[in-house]
């Protein structure tokens, strides 16, 4: 049996994305097969399209890291799922397709009250935020978090989740529309980094103390300013380098602050590790969905055949929240 999917052939701009036919996958041991109703679009998909983010060994080159839909087949050694279950899942590739096989430990039920489109906007960002803000960054209630790219998919997730967990949140943005969105999600202050120095504003807002955790997607010139506005024993977590991969580090300042500087990626982590993150989300975050304390922010949807338009929108930085592909 075959299915429709989206691949980059060859690498390049959005126009290289093509809807093609491919064999329908079968679930292997420990996997479930999902009929995809919606697939999230993320910046790593763009980097892969450009040829700079190859899938891990053995993973399909079909784009897409998160999906929502219906379980239609179950592989061996899988417990807790049945055909017909409504689920969302984190995958290492293959999301831009009518069917995808996902490790069962990375599959979660669609939270009550959410559509498939909303559920498809959850896995990549919530796995990432939980792993980096709460595990690596050790953010606790009462602490202060600075989120760069506050209106992005990751940014909106980090703001809403941190605020729901009792943290104080500051964010950086590039215009007032994005700032208003961040404030509506729980950010106390949204700083337009194009018109003022964000570190100065952070220090002013915190009475000179600084923030306990920085979630940085910018890198480059943002890096030394992150350290400058980090509190004593603060933690800086890098998850992308949109403003540059090389940065200047004041080692003396890092030592005086006893700062922790770290970072991570998600896609290449072992399945068991991603499964542990999924279990933590189900325990700590799914109840927040169920009572409406957090909800994914979806800006735009496109049909699968218009994946290139979705990529163009994200690359133009015109997105507030997530972009999702809908499949019939």
C-alpha atoms as a PDB file:
ATOM      1  CA  UNK A   1       0.000   0.000   0.000  1.00  0.00           C
ATOM      2  CA  UNK A   2       1.127   3.529  -0.697  1.00  0.00           C
ATOM      3  CA  UNK A   3       0.508   6.950   0.804  1.00  0.00           C
ATOM      4  CA  UNK A   4       1.147  10.593   0.040  1.00  0.00           C
ATOM      5  CA  UNK A   5       4.026  12.349   1.770  1.00  0.00           C
ATOM      6  CA  UNK A   6       6.235  15.430   1.467  1.00  0.00           C
ATOM      7  CA  UNK A   7       9.949  15.255   0.763  1.00  0.00           C
ATOM      8  CA  UNK A   8      12.616  17.803  -0.140  1.00  0.00           C
ATOM      9  CA  UNK A   9      13.877  16.872  -3.614  1.00  0.00           C
ATOM     10  CA  UNK A  10      16.529  18.230  -3.905  1.00  0.00           C
ATOM     11  CA  UNK A  11      17.552  20.354  -0.911  1.00  0.00           C
ATOM     12  CA  UNK A  12      16.890  24.063  -1.196  1.00  0.00           C
ATOM     13  CA  UNK A  13      14.168  26.682  -0.815  1.00  0.00           C
ATOM     14  CA  UNK A  14      10.494  26.009  -0.023  1.00  0.00           C
ATOM     15  CA  UNK A  15       9.806  25.233  -3.669  1.00  0.00           C
ATOM     16  CA  UNK A  16      11.731  21.932  -3.404  1.00  0.00           C
ATOM     17  CA  UNK A  17       9.003  20.409  -1.208  1.00  0.00           C
ATOM     18  CA  UNK A  18       7.063  17.911  -3.283  1.00  0.00           C
ATOM     19  CA  UNK A  19       4.054  15.704  -2.564  1.00  0.00           C
ATOM     20  CA  UNK A  20       5.118  12.196  -3.577  1.00  0.00           C
ATOM     21  CA  UNK A  21       3.973   8.600  -3.242  1.00  0.00           C
ATOM     22  CA  UNK A  22       5.754   6.328  -0.762  1.00  0.00           C
ATOM     23  CA  UNK A  23       5.141   2.898   0.741  1.00  0.00           C
ATOM     24  CA  UNK A  24       2.861   3.018   3.767  1.00  0.00           C
ATOM     25  CA  UNK A  25       4.922   2.108   6.841  1.00  0.00           C
ATOM     26  CA  UNK A  26       4.154  -0.855   9.046  1.00  0.00           C
ATOM     27  CA  UNK A  27       4.530  -0.649  12.824  1.00  0.00           C
ATOM     28  CA  UNK A  28       7.572  -2.469  14.131  1.00  0.00           C
ATOM     29  CA  UNK A  29       8.041  -3.904  17.586  1.00  0.00           C
ATOM     30  CA  UNK A  30       7.141  -1.287  20.180  1.00  0.00           C
ATOM     31  CA  UNK A  31       5.463   0.975  17.604  1.00  0.00           C
ATOM     32  CA  UNK A  32       1.962   2.042  16.626  1.00  0.00           C
ATOM     33  CA  UNK A  33       0.819   3.135  13.168  1.00  0.00           C
ATOM     34  CA  UNK A  34      -1.021   6.460  13.126  1.00  0.00           C
ATOM     35  CA  UNK A  35      -3.290   7.737  10.372  1.00  0.00           C
ATOM     36  CA  UNK A  36      -2.211  11.346  10.371  1.00  0.00           C
ATOM     37  CA  UNK A  37      -4.882  14.041  10.502  1.00  0.00           C
ATOM     38  CA  UNK A  38      -2.533  16.936  11.268  1.00  0.00           C
ATOM     39  CA  UNK A  39       1.223  17.479  11.396  1.00  0.00           C
ATOM     40  CA  UNK A  40       3.105  20.302  13.077  1.00  0.00           C
ATOM     41  CA  UNK A  41       5.615  22.377  11.120  1.00  0.00           C
ATOM     42  CA  UNK A  42       8.808  23.366  12.938  1.00  0.00           C
ATOM     43  CA  UNK A  43      12.053  25.205  12.222  1.00  0.00           C
ATOM     44  CA  UNK A  44      14.064  21.946  12.283  1.00  0.00           C
ATOM     45  CA  UNK A  45      11.977  20.892   9.254  1.00  0.00           C
ATOM     46  CA  UNK A  46      13.268  23.973   7.433  1.00  0.00           C
ATOM     47  CA  UNK A  47      16.857  23.189   8.371  1.00  0.00           C
ATOM     48  CA  UNK A  48      16.377  19.634   7.078  1.00  0.00           C
ATOM     49  CA  UNK A  49      14.885  20.987   3.838  1.00  0.00           C
ATOM     50  CA  UNK A  50      18.045  23.069   3.388  1.00  0.00           C
ATOM     51  CA  UNK A  51      20.190  19.939   3.781  1.00  0.00           C
ATOM     52  CA  UNK A  52      21.644  20.864   7.168  1.00  0.00           C
ATOM     53  CA  UNK A  53      19.741  18.554   9.524  1.00  0.00           C
ATOM     54  CA  UNK A  54      19.768  14.964   8.273  1.00  0.00           C
ATOM     55  CA  UNK A  55      17.495  12.459  10.016  1.00  0.00           C
ATOM     56  CA  UNK A  56      19.129  10.030  12.444  1.00  0.00           C
ATOM     57  CA  UNK A  57      20.357   6.731  10.967  1.00  0.00           C
ATOM     58  CA  UNK A  58      17.479   4.482   9.969  1.00  0.00           C
ATOM     59  CA  UNK A  59      14.871   7.273  10.057  1.00  0.00           C
ATOM     60  CA  UNK A  60      12.890   8.228   6.950  1.00  0.00           C
ATOM     61  CA  UNK A  61      13.789  11.416   5.076  1.00  0.00           C
ATOM     62  CA  UNK A  62      10.105  12.399   4.961  1.00  0.00           C
ATOM     63  CA  UNK A  63       9.852  15.662   6.886  1.00  0.00           C
ATOM     64  CA  UNK A  64       7.843  16.173  10.050  1.00  0.00           C
ATOM     65  CA  UNK A  65       8.489  15.712  13.778  1.00  0.00           C
ATOM     66  CA  UNK A  66       5.001  15.719  15.334  1.00  0.00           C
ATOM     67  CA  UNK A  67       1.561  14.433  14.411  1.00  0.00           C
ATOM     68  CA  UNK A  68      -1.948  13.838  15.647  1.00  0.00           C
ATOM     69  CA  UNK A  69      -4.476  11.328  14.410  1.00  0.00           C
ATOM     70  CA  UNK A  70      -5.858   7.834  14.952  1.00  0.00           C
ATOM     71  CA  UNK A  71      -4.114   4.568  15.790  1.00  0.00           C
ATOM     72  CA  UNK A  72      -4.828   2.116  12.961  1.00  0.00           C
ATOM     73  CA  UNK A  73      -2.376  -0.720  13.705  1.00  0.00           C
ATOM     74  CA  UNK A  74      -0.267  -1.882  16.644  1.00  0.00           C
ATOM     75  CA  UNK A  75       3.110  -3.600  16.580  1.00  0.00           C
ATOM     76  CA  UNK A  76       4.364  -6.338  18.846  1.00  0.00           C
ATOM     77  CA  UNK A  77       5.152  -5.659  22.504  1.00  0.00           C
ATOM     78  CA  UNK A  78       2.870  -2.606  22.760  1.00  0.00           C
ATOM     79  CA  UNK A  79       0.585  -2.148  25.745  1.00  0.00           C
ATOM     80  CA  UNK A  80      -1.839   0.624  26.562  1.00  0.00           C
ATOM     81  CA  UNK A  81      -3.062   1.432  23.045  1.00  0.00           C
ATOM     82  CA  UNK A  82      -5.907   0.141  20.901  1.00  0.00           C
ATOM     83  CA  UNK A  83      -6.936   0.636  17.286  1.00  0.00           C
ATOM     84  CA  UNK A  84      -9.121   3.726  17.143  1.00  0.00           C
ATOM     85  CA  UNK A  85      -7.337   5.635  19.907  1.00  0.00           C
ATOM     86  CA  UNK A  86      -6.998   9.385  19.276  1.00  0.00           C
ATOM     87  CA  UNK A  87      -3.369  10.307  19.846  1.00  0.00           C
ATOM     88  CA  UNK A  88      -0.539  12.742  19.224  1.00  0.00           C
ATOM     89  CA  UNK A  89       3.075  11.718  18.907  1.00  0.00           C
ATOM     90  CA  UNK A  90       6.659  12.902  18.684  1.00  0.00           C
ATOM     91  CA  UNK A  91       8.494  11.263  15.773  1.00  0.00           C
ATOM     92  CA  UNK A  92      12.059  11.538  14.487  1.00  0.00           C
ATOM     93  CA  UNK A  93      10.752  11.982  10.934  1.00  0.00           C
ATOM     94  CA  UNK A  94       7.852  11.052   8.677  1.00  0.00           C
ATOM     95  CA  UNK A  95       5.205  13.417  10.012  1.00  0.00           C
ATOM     96  CA  UNK A  96       4.346  15.063   6.681  1.00  0.00           C
ATOM     97  CA  UNK A  97       2.538  11.949   5.492  1.00  0.00           C
ATOM     98  CA  UNK A  98      -0.789  10.189   5.616  1.00  0.00           C
ATOM     99  CA  UNK A  99       0.619   7.498   7.915  1.00  0.00           C
ATOM    100  CA  UNK A 100       3.551   7.346  10.312  1.00  0.00           C
ATOM    101  CA  UNK A 101       4.884   4.639  12.614  1.00  0.00           C
ATOM    102  CA  UNK A 102       5.769   6.035  16.039  1.00  0.00           C
ATOM    103  CA  UNK A 103       7.428   4.476  19.095  1.00  0.00           C
ATOM    104  CA  UNK A 104       4.577   3.790  21.486  1.00  0.00           C
ATOM    105  CA  UNK A 105       6.395   5.431  24.404  1.00  0.00           C
ATOM    106  CA  UNK A 106       6.395   8.716  22.446  1.00  0.00           C
ATOM    107  CA  UNK A 107       2.640   8.572  21.830  1.00  0.00           C
ATOM    108  CA  UNK A 108       0.159  10.350  24.089  1.00  0.00           C
ATOM    109  CA  UNK A 109      -3.637  10.635  24.087  1.00  0.00           C
ATOM    110  CA  UNK A 110      -5.087  13.815  22.620  1.00  0.00           C
ATOM    111  CA  UNK A 111      -6.062  15.885  25.669  1.00  0.00           C
ATOM    112  CA  UNK A 112      -9.799  16.266  26.173  1.00  0.00           C
ATOM    113  CA  UNK A 113     -11.309  19.210  24.357  1.00  0.00           C
ATOM    114  CA  UNK A 114      -8.469  19.634  21.859  1.00  0.00           C
ATOM    115  CA  UNK A 115      -8.765  19.123  18.111  1.00  0.00           C
ATOM    116  CA  UNK A 116      -6.306  17.101  16.045  1.00  0.00           C
ATOM    117  CA  UNK A 117      -4.850  20.371  14.717  1.00  0.00           C
ATOM    118  CA  UNK A 118      -4.224  21.653  18.238  1.00  0.00           C
ATOM    119  CA  UNK A 119      -2.838  18.292  19.366  1.00  0.00           C
ATOM    120  CA  UNK A 120      -0.384  18.219  16.440  1.00  0.00           C
ATOM    121  CA  UNK A 121       1.051  21.486  17.770  1.00  0.00           C
ATOM    122  CA  UNK A 122       1.932  19.908  21.119  1.00  0.00           C
ATOM    123  CA  UNK A 123       4.669  17.219  20.933  1.00  0.00           C
ATOM    124  CA  UNK A 124       7.754  18.953  19.506  1.00  0.00           C
ATOM    125  CA  UNK A 125       7.362  22.124  21.549  1.00  0.00           C
ATOM    126  CA  UNK A 126       6.168  20.599  24.822  1.00  0.00           C
ATOM    127  CA  UNK A 127       8.807  17.845  24.779  1.00  0.00           C
ATOM    128  CA  UNK A 128      11.445  20.500  24.057  1.00  0.00           C
ATOM    129  CA  UNK A 129      10.291  22.941  26.719  1.00  0.00           C
ATOM    130  CA  UNK A 130       9.911  20.279  29.391  1.00  0.00           C
ATOM    131  CA  UNK A 131      13.356  18.808  28.658  1.00  0.00           C
ATOM    132  CA  UNK A 132      15.130  22.155  28.582  1.00  0.00           C
ATOM    133  CA  UNK A 133      13.285  24.543  30.882  1.00  0.00           C
ATOM    134  CA  UNK A 134      12.251  22.118  33.608  1.00  0.00           C
ATOM    135  CA  UNK A 135      14.832  19.304  33.424  1.00  0.00           C
ATOM    136  CA  UNK A 136      18.040  21.040  32.297  1.00  0.00           C
ATOM    137  CA  UNK A 137      17.022  24.518  33.477  1.00  0.00           C
ATOM    138  CA  UNK A 138      15.453  23.261  36.719  1.00  0.00           C
ATOM    139  CA  UNK A 139      12.913  26.103  36.700  1.00  0.00           C
ATOM    140  CA  UNK A 140      10.890  26.131  39.911  1.00  0.00           C
ATOM    141  CA  UNK A 141       7.793  27.979  41.069  1.00  0.00           C
ATOM    142  CA  UNK A 142       8.676  31.487  42.195  1.00  0.00           C
ATOM    143  CA  UNK A 143      11.708  31.740  39.903  1.00  0.00           C
ATOM    144  CA  UNK A 144      11.995  33.968  36.831  1.00  0.00           C
ATOM    145  CA  UNK A 145      12.342  32.728  33.246  1.00  0.00           C
ATOM    146  CA  UNK A 146      13.461  34.748  30.203  1.00  0.00           C
ATOM    147  CA  UNK A 147      12.175  33.337  26.913  1.00  0.00           C
ATOM    148  CA  UNK A 148      13.650  34.512  23.619  1.00  0.00           C
ATOM    149  CA  UNK A 149      11.400  34.300  20.560  1.00  0.00           C
ATOM    150  CA  UNK A 150       8.387  34.556  22.821  1.00  0.00           C
ATOM    151  CA  UNK A 151       5.818  34.429  20.014  1.00  0.00           C
ATOM    152  CA  UNK A 152       7.267  31.326  18.350  1.00  0.00           C
ATOM    153  CA  UNK A 153       5.923  27.822  18.872  1.00  0.00           C
ATOM    154  CA  UNK A 154       8.571  27.089  21.494  1.00  0.00           C
ATOM    155  CA  UNK A 155       8.212  30.550  23.005  1.00  0.00           C
ATOM    156  CA  UNK A 156       4.437  30.456  23.433  1.00  0.00           C
ATOM    157  CA  UNK A 157       4.714  26.993  24.966  1.00  0.00           C
ATOM    158  CA  UNK A 158       7.449  28.040  27.389  1.00  0.00           C
ATOM    159  CA  UNK A 159       5.558  31.137  28.511  1.00  0.00           C
ATOM    160  CA  UNK A 160       2.247  29.378  29.075  1.00  0.00           C
ATOM    161  CA  UNK A 161       3.753  26.337  30.785  1.00  0.00           C
ATOM    162  CA  UNK A 162       6.129  28.280  33.035  1.00  0.00           C
ATOM    163  CA  UNK A 163       3.375  30.660  34.086  1.00  0.00           C
ATOM    164  CA  UNK A 164       1.048  27.735  34.823  1.00  0.00           C
ATOM    165  CA  UNK A 165       3.806  26.215  36.966  1.00  0.00           C
ATOM    166  CA  UNK A 166       4.067  29.356  39.069  1.00  0.00           C
ATOM    167  CA  UNK A 167       7.115  31.039  37.533  1.00  0.00           C
ATOM    168  CA  UNK A 168       7.510  34.707  36.602  1.00  0.00           C
ATOM    169  CA  UNK A 169       8.069  35.044  32.842  1.00  0.00           C
ATOM    170  CA  UNK A 170       9.758  37.697  30.705  1.00  0.00           C
ATOM    171  CA  UNK A 171       9.991  37.402  26.920  1.00  0.00           C
ATOM    172  CA  UNK A 172      11.685  39.025  23.945  1.00  0.00           C
ATOM    173  CA  UNK A 173       9.844  39.748  20.702  1.00  0.00           C
ATOM    174  CA  UNK A 174      10.211  41.851  17.566  1.00  0.00           C
ATOM    175  CA  UNK A 175       6.930  43.799  17.428  1.00  0.00           C
ATOM    176  CA  UNK A 176       3.927  44.814  19.521  1.00  0.00           C
ATOM    177  CA  UNK A 177       1.566  42.190  18.062  1.00  0.00           C
ATOM    178  CA  UNK A 178       3.916  39.458  19.246  1.00  0.00           C
ATOM    179  CA  UNK A 179       4.334  41.239  22.579  1.00  0.00           C
ATOM    180  CA  UNK A 180       0.576  41.294  23.125  1.00  0.00           C
ATOM    181  CA  UNK A 181       0.369  37.547  22.487  1.00  0.00           C
ATOM    182  CA  UNK A 182       3.135  36.862  25.017  1.00  0.00           C
ATOM    183  CA  UNK A 183       1.422  38.960  27.669  1.00  0.00           C
ATOM    184  CA  UNK A 184      -1.878  37.169  27.031  1.00  0.00           C
ATOM    185  CA  UNK A 185      -0.153  33.844  27.714  1.00  0.00           C
ATOM    186  CA  UNK A 186       1.295  34.956  31.051  1.00  0.00           C
ATOM    187  CA  UNK A 187       4.460  36.940  30.325  1.00  0.00           C
ATOM    188  CA  UNK A 188       4.771  39.829  32.765  1.00  0.00           C
ATOM    189  CA  UNK A 189       6.930  41.823  30.351  1.00  0.00           C
ATOM    190  CA  UNK A 190       7.512  41.442  26.594  1.00  0.00           C
ATOM    191  CA  UNK A 191      10.616  43.294  25.386  1.00  0.00           C
ATOM    192  CA  UNK A 192      11.044  44.431  21.784  1.00  0.00           C
ATOM    193  CA  UNK A 193      14.722  43.605  21.286  1.00  0.00           C
ATOM    194  CA  UNK A 194      14.799  45.610  18.040  1.00  0.00           C
ATOM    195  CA  UNK A 195      14.208  48.886  19.905  1.00  0.00           C
ATOM    196  CA  UNK A 196      15.871  48.397  23.303  1.00  0.00           C
ATOM    197  CA  UNK A 197      18.571  46.341  24.989  1.00  0.00           C
ATOM    198  CA  UNK A 198      16.784  43.344  26.454  1.00  0.00           C
ATOM    199  CA  UNK A 199      19.391  42.731  29.172  1.00  0.00           C
ATOM    200  CA  UNK A 200      19.066  46.295  30.479  1.00  0.00           C
ATOM    201  CA  UNK A 201      15.282  45.914  30.590  1.00  0.00           C
ATOM    202  CA  UNK A 202      15.504  42.533  32.331  1.00  0.00           C
ATOM    203  CA  UNK A 203      17.800  43.916  35.028  1.00  0.00           C
ATOM    204  CA  UNK A 204      15.544  46.929  35.494  1.00  0.00           C
ATOM    205  CA  UNK A 205      12.442  44.734  35.752  1.00  0.00           C
ATOM    206  CA  UNK A 206      14.054  42.373  38.269  1.00  0.00           C
ATOM    207  CA  UNK A 207      15.586  45.105  40.422  1.00  0.00           C
ATOM    208  CA  UNK A 208      19.099  44.140  39.331  1.00  0.00           C
ATOM    209  CA  UNK A 209      18.762  40.486  40.374  1.00  0.00           C
ATOM    210  CA  UNK A 210      18.413  39.030  36.881  1.00  0.00           C
ATOM    211  CA  UNK A 211      16.584  35.899  35.810  1.00  0.00           C
ATOM    212  CA  UNK A 212      17.031  32.371  37.107  1.00  0.00           C
ATOM    213  CA  UNK A 213      16.693  30.658  33.716  1.00  0.00           C
ATOM    214  CA  UNK A 214      17.186  31.817  30.130  1.00  0.00           C
ATOM    215  CA  UNK A 215      15.740  29.758  27.270  1.00  0.00           C
ATOM    216  CA  UNK A 216      17.755  30.915  24.263  1.00  0.00           C
ATOM    217  CA  UNK A 217      17.033  30.204  20.611  1.00  0.00           C
ATOM    218  CA  UNK A 218      19.112  33.103  19.278  1.00  0.00           C
ATOM    219  CA  UNK A 219      22.767  32.605  20.240  1.00  0.00           C
ATOM    220  CA  UNK A 220      25.367  34.870  18.623  1.00  0.00           C
ATOM    221  CA  UNK A 221      25.205  38.413  20.062  1.00  0.00           C
ATOM    222  CA  UNK A 222      22.393  37.420  22.439  1.00  0.00           C
ATOM    223  CA  UNK A 223      24.690  35.031  24.318  1.00  0.00           C
ATOM    224  CA  UNK A 224      26.831  37.538  26.305  1.00  0.00           C
ATOM    225  CA  UNK A 225      23.730  39.616  27.081  1.00  0.00           C
ATOM    226  CA  UNK A 226      22.021  36.488  28.393  1.00  0.00           C
ATOM    227  CA  UNK A 227      24.893  35.950  30.797  1.00  0.00           C
ATOM    228  CA  UNK A 228      24.819  39.605  31.855  1.00  0.00           C
ATOM    229  CA  UNK A 229      21.165  39.423  32.887  1.00  0.00           C
ATOM    230  CA  UNK A 230      21.433  35.975  34.480  1.00  0.00           C
ATOM    231  CA  UNK A 231      20.998  35.830  38.255  1.00  0.00           C
ATOM    232  CA  UNK A 232      23.537  34.354  40.676  1.00  0.00           C
ATOM    233  CA  UNK A 233      23.565  30.608  40.101  1.00  0.00           C
ATOM    234  CA  UNK A 234      21.285  31.078  37.106  1.00  0.00           C
ATOM    235  CA  UNK A 235      20.972  28.600  34.239  1.00  0.00           C
ATOM    236  CA  UNK A 236      21.182  29.400  30.529  1.00  0.00           C
ATOM    237  CA  UNK A 237      19.835  26.731  28.160  1.00  0.00           C
ATOM    238  CA  UNK A 238      20.471  26.991  24.409  1.00  0.00           C
ATOM    239  CA  UNK A 239      18.247  25.124  21.953  1.00  0.00           C
ATOM    240  CA  UNK A 240      19.011  26.951  18.671  1.00  0.00           C
ATOM    241  CA  UNK A 241      21.380  29.524  17.175  1.00  0.00           C
ATOM    242  CA  UNK A 242      19.227  31.597  14.826  1.00  0.00           C
ATOM    243  CA  UNK A 243      21.380  34.708  15.331  1.00  0.00           C
ATOM    244  CA  UNK A 244      24.723  32.894  15.101  1.00  0.00           C
ATOM    245  CA  UNK A 245      26.519  29.726  16.164  1.00  0.00           C
ATOM    246  CA  UNK A 246      29.598  31.526  17.539  1.00  0.00           C
ATOM    247  CA  UNK A 247      29.405  33.703  20.656  1.00  0.00           C
ATOM    248  CA  UNK A 248      31.655  35.534  23.108  1.00  0.00           C
ATOM    249  CA  UNK A 249      31.828  34.216  26.670  1.00  0.00           C
ATOM    250  CA  UNK A 250      33.055  36.277  29.625  1.00  0.00           C
ATOM    251  CA  UNK A 251      34.490  33.426  31.659  1.00  0.00           C
ATOM    252  CA  UNK A 252      35.142  35.626  34.684  1.00  0.00           C
ATOM    253  CA  UNK A 253      31.490  36.743  34.796  1.00  0.00           C
ATOM    254  CA  UNK A 254      30.346  33.140  34.423  1.00  0.00           C
ATOM    255  CA  UNK A 255      32.550  32.160  37.380  1.00  0.00           C
ATOM    256  CA  UNK A 256      31.395  35.033  39.585  1.00  0.00           C
ATOM    257  CA  UNK A 257      27.758  34.166  38.926  1.00  0.00           C
ATOM    258  CA  UNK A 258      28.371  30.420  39.280  1.00  0.00           C
ATOM    259  CA  UNK A 259      26.284  30.172  36.140  1.00  0.00           C
ATOM    260  CA  UNK A 260      25.318  26.943  34.423  1.00  0.00           C
ATOM    261  CA  UNK A 261      25.466  27.136  30.623  1.00  0.00           C
ATOM    262  CA  UNK A 262      24.072  24.163  28.756  1.00  0.00           C
ATOM    263  CA  UNK A 263      21.918  23.147  25.808  1.00  0.00           C
ATOM    264  CA  UNK A 264      20.445  20.202  23.989  1.00  0.00           C
ATOM    265  CA  UNK A 265      18.725  18.822  20.924  1.00  0.00           C
ATOM    266  CA  UNK A 266      15.754  16.477  20.935  1.00  0.00           C
ATOM    267  CA  UNK A 267      15.558  14.527  17.686  1.00  0.00           C
ATOM    268  CA  UNK A 268      18.569  12.240  18.110  1.00  0.00           C
ATOM    269  CA  UNK A 269      17.883  11.296  21.726  1.00  0.00           C
ATOM    270  CA  UNK A 270      17.262   7.598  22.411  1.00  0.00           C
ATOM    271  CA  UNK A 271      13.639   6.458  22.300  1.00  0.00           C
ATOM    272  CA  UNK A 272      13.746   5.530  25.982  1.00  0.00           C
ATOM    273  CA  UNK A 273      14.825   9.046  26.904  1.00  0.00           C
ATOM    274  CA  UNK A 274      12.055  10.629  24.845  1.00  0.00           C
ATOM    275  CA  UNK A 275       9.653   8.120  26.378  1.00  0.00           C
ATOM    276  CA  UNK A 276      10.624   9.332  29.852  1.00  0.00           C
ATOM    277  CA  UNK A 277       9.858  12.907  28.795  1.00  0.00           C
ATOM    278  CA  UNK A 278       6.474  11.765  27.451  1.00  0.00           C
ATOM    279  CA  UNK A 279       5.689  10.071  30.765  1.00  0.00           C
ATOM    280  CA  UNK A 280       6.583  13.253  32.659  1.00  0.00           C
ATOM    281  CA  UNK A 281       4.370  15.330  30.361  1.00  0.00           C
ATOM    282  CA  UNK A 282       1.445  12.979  30.897  1.00  0.00           C
ATOM    283  CA  UNK A 283       1.887  13.243  34.663  1.00  0.00           C
ATOM    284  CA  UNK A 284       2.565  16.965  35.016  1.00  0.00           C
ATOM    285  CA  UNK A 285       1.257  18.731  31.896  1.00  0.00           C
ATOM    286  CA  UNK A 286      -1.717  16.712  30.620  1.00  0.00           C
ATOM    287  CA  UNK A 287      -3.754  17.684  33.713  1.00  0.00           C
ATOM    288  CA  UNK A 288      -3.106  21.344  32.801  1.00  0.00           C
ATOM    289  CA  UNK A 289      -4.569  20.700  29.335  1.00  0.00           C
ATOM    290  CA  UNK A 290      -7.556  18.916  30.807  1.00  0.00           C
ATOM    291  CA  UNK A 291      -8.499  21.870  33.016  1.00  0.00           C
ATOM    292  CA  UNK A 292      -7.700  24.494  30.370  1.00  0.00           C
ATOM    293  CA  UNK A 293      -4.688  26.016  32.141  1.00  0.00           C
ATOM    294  CA  UNK A 294      -2.580  25.706  28.964  1.00  0.00           C
ATOM    295  CA  UNK A 295      -3.503  25.339  25.308  1.00  0.00           C
ATOM    296  CA  UNK A 296      -1.350  25.229  22.152  1.00  0.00           C
ATOM    297  CA  UNK A 297      -1.356  28.392  20.048  1.00  0.00           C
ATOM    298  CA  UNK A 298      -2.013  27.644  16.367  1.00  0.00           C
ATOM    299  CA  UNK A 299      -1.516  30.599  14.016  1.00  0.00           C
ATOM    300  CA  UNK A 300      -2.217  29.085  10.591  1.00  0.00           C
ATOM    301  CA  UNK A 301      -3.066  25.772   8.945  1.00  0.00           C
ATOM    302  CA  UNK A 302      -2.282  24.599   5.405  1.00  0.00           C
ATOM    303  CA  UNK A 303      -3.179  21.461   3.439  1.00  0.00           C
ATOM    304  CA  UNK A 304      -0.334  18.974   2.967  1.00  0.00           C
ATOM    305  CA  UNK A 305       0.094  20.074  -0.662  1.00  0.00           C
ATOM    306  CA  UNK A 306       0.933  23.588   0.538  1.00  0.00           C
ATOM    307  CA  UNK A 307       3.765  22.639   2.873  1.00  0.00           C
ATOM    308  CA  UNK A 308       6.039  25.014   0.946  1.00  0.00           C
ATOM    309  CA  UNK A 309       3.759  27.940   1.880  1.00  0.00           C
ATOM    310  CA  UNK A 310       3.928  26.928   5.527  1.00  0.00           C
ATOM    311  CA  UNK A 311       7.730  26.978   5.344  1.00  0.00           C
ATOM    312  CA  UNK A 312       7.738  30.391   3.675  1.00  0.00           C
ATOM    313  CA  UNK A 313       5.563  31.824   6.433  1.00  0.00           C
ATOM    314  CA  UNK A 314       7.854  30.560   9.184  1.00  0.00           C
ATOM    315  CA  UNK A 315      11.006  31.718   7.412  1.00  0.00           C
ATOM    316  CA  UNK A 316       9.504  35.199   7.056  1.00  0.00           C
ATOM    317  CA  UNK A 317       9.040  35.338  10.860  1.00  0.00           C
ATOM    318  CA  UNK A 318       5.347  36.053  10.380  1.00  0.00           C
ATOM    319  CA  UNK A 319       4.125  33.326  12.704  1.00  0.00           C
ATOM    320  CA  UNK A 320       2.666  33.765  16.184  1.00  0.00           C
ATOM    321  CA  UNK A 321       2.539  30.284  17.681  1.00  0.00           C
ATOM    322  CA  UNK A 322       2.483  27.167  15.521  1.00  0.00           C
ATOM    323  CA  UNK A 323       1.789  26.297  11.890  1.00  0.00           C
ATOM    324  CA  UNK A 324       0.064  22.977  11.214  1.00  0.00           C
ATOM    325  CA  UNK A 325      -0.563  20.910   8.083  1.00  0.00           C
ATOM    326  CA  UNK A 326      -4.033  19.365   7.789  1.00  0.00           C
ATOM    327  CA  UNK A 327      -4.527  16.047   5.998  1.00  0.00           C
ATOM    328  CA  UNK A 328      -7.871  14.878   4.659  1.00  0.00           C
END
